[in-house]
Amino acid sequence: AMGASLLRNKAKEAGLEDIEVKNMAINQIPEDADVVITHKDLTDRARHKVPGARHVSVDNFLGSPKYDELIDEISAARV
């Protein structure tokens, strides 16, 4: 939940307010999810659940540079 809140705030700060960030159990991830961020120990399970999504593995939900990388990538793609 803290990681989702952090990513939500980073998206808002970057002007990406239309991005929906949700925190949920792997079994609840919708099949149409675009990006799934999981702890590295759970990534394989999430890939099996939603194989069509882009999967990002983190080892620390609160201190991962992956959030900034993802926001930068999305922002750049929209230019």
Protein backbone atom coordinates (compact mmCIF):
# COMPACT_ATOMS: atom_id res chain seq x y z
CA ALA A 1 0.00 0.00 0.00
CA MET A 2 2.85 2.40 0.79
CA GLY A 3 4.52 1.71 -2.55
CA ALA A 4 1.27 2.37 -4.42
CA SER A 5 0.81 5.63 -2.55
CA LEU A 6 4.37 6.66 -3.36
CA LEU A 7 3.93 5.87 -7.06
CA ARG A 8 0.56 7.63 -7.15
CA ASN A 9 2.17 10.79 -5.75
CA LYS A 10 5.08 10.61 -8.20
CA ALA A 11 2.64 10.27 -11.11
CA LYS A 12 0.63 13.24 -9.90
CA GLU A 13 3.78 15.37 -9.51
CA ALA A 14 4.76 14.47 -13.08
CA GLY A 15 1.35 15.56 -14.39
CA LEU A 16 0.27 11.98 -15.07
CA GLU A 17 -2.96 12.30 -13.13
CA ASP A 18 -4.83 10.00 -15.51
CA ILE A 19 -2.74 7.01 -14.45
CA GLU A 20 -4.57 4.67 -12.13
CA VAL A 21 -2.42 3.13 -9.40
CA LYS A 22 -3.93 0.40 -7.26
CA ASN A 23 -2.67 -1.84 -4.50
CA MET A 24 -4.05 -5.38 -4.58
CA ALA A 25 -3.30 -9.01 -3.99
CA ILE A 26 -1.78 -10.89 -6.92
CA ASN A 27 -4.91 -13.01 -7.27
CA GLN A 28 -6.94 -9.82 -7.76
CA ILE A 29 -4.84 -8.26 -10.54
CA PRO A 30 -7.10 -7.68 -13.55
CA GLU A 31 -6.10 -9.35 -16.80
CA ASP A 32 -5.97 -5.96 -18.56
CA ALA A 33 -3.36 -4.48 -16.20
CA ASP A 34 -0.65 -2.65 -18.13
CA VAL A 35 2.09 -2.63 -15.47
CA VAL A 36 2.43 -4.80 -12.38
CA ILE A 37 4.94 -3.90 -9.69
CA THR A 38 5.77 -6.65 -7.22
CA HIS A 39 8.40 -7.59 -4.72
CA LYS A 40 11.08 -9.59 -6.51
CA ASP A 41 10.04 -12.74 -4.65
CA LEU A 42 6.50 -12.52 -6.08
CA THR A 43 7.21 -11.49 -9.67
CA ASP A 44 7.06 -15.00 -11.14
CA ARG A 45 3.67 -15.57 -9.53
CA ALA A 46 2.38 -12.25 -10.90
CA ARG A 47 3.74 -13.05 -14.38
CA HIS A 48 1.82 -16.30 -14.33
CA LYS A 49 -1.39 -14.49 -13.30
CA VAL A 50 -1.06 -11.64 -15.83
CA PRO A 51 1.38 -12.69 -18.58
CA GLY A 52 0.48 -9.80 -20.89
CA ALA A 53 1.44 -7.04 -18.45
CA ARG A 54 4.80 -5.38 -18.07
CA HIS A 55 6.29 -6.60 -14.80
CA VAL A 56 8.57 -4.52 -12.62
CA SER A 57 10.35 -6.19 -9.71
CA VAL A 58 11.47 -4.24 -6.67
CA ASP A 59 13.31 -5.33 -3.57
CA ASN A 60 12.15 -2.38 -1.46
CA PHE A 61 8.74 -0.81 -2.06
CA LEU A 62 9.67 2.45 -0.34
CA GLY A 63 13.17 3.06 -1.66
CA SER A 64 13.18 1.69 -5.18
CA PRO A 65 14.46 3.83 -8.06
CA LYS A 66 12.15 1.82 -10.34
CA TYR A 67 9.26 4.21 -9.61
CA ASP A 68 11.16 7.22 -10.97
CA GLU A 69 12.35 5.20 -13.96
CA LEU A 70 8.79 4.17 -14.77
CA ILE A 71 7.42 7.70 -14.40
CA ASP A 72 10.22 9.07 -16.59
CA GLU A 73 9.54 6.43 -19.23
CA ILE A 74 5.81 7.14 -19.29
CA SER A 75 6.39 10.89 -19.43
CA ALA A 76 8.86 10.54 -22.29
CA ALA A 77 6.45 8.34 -24.24
CA ARG A 78 3.78 11.02 -24.04
CA VAL A 79 5.89 13.81 -25.51
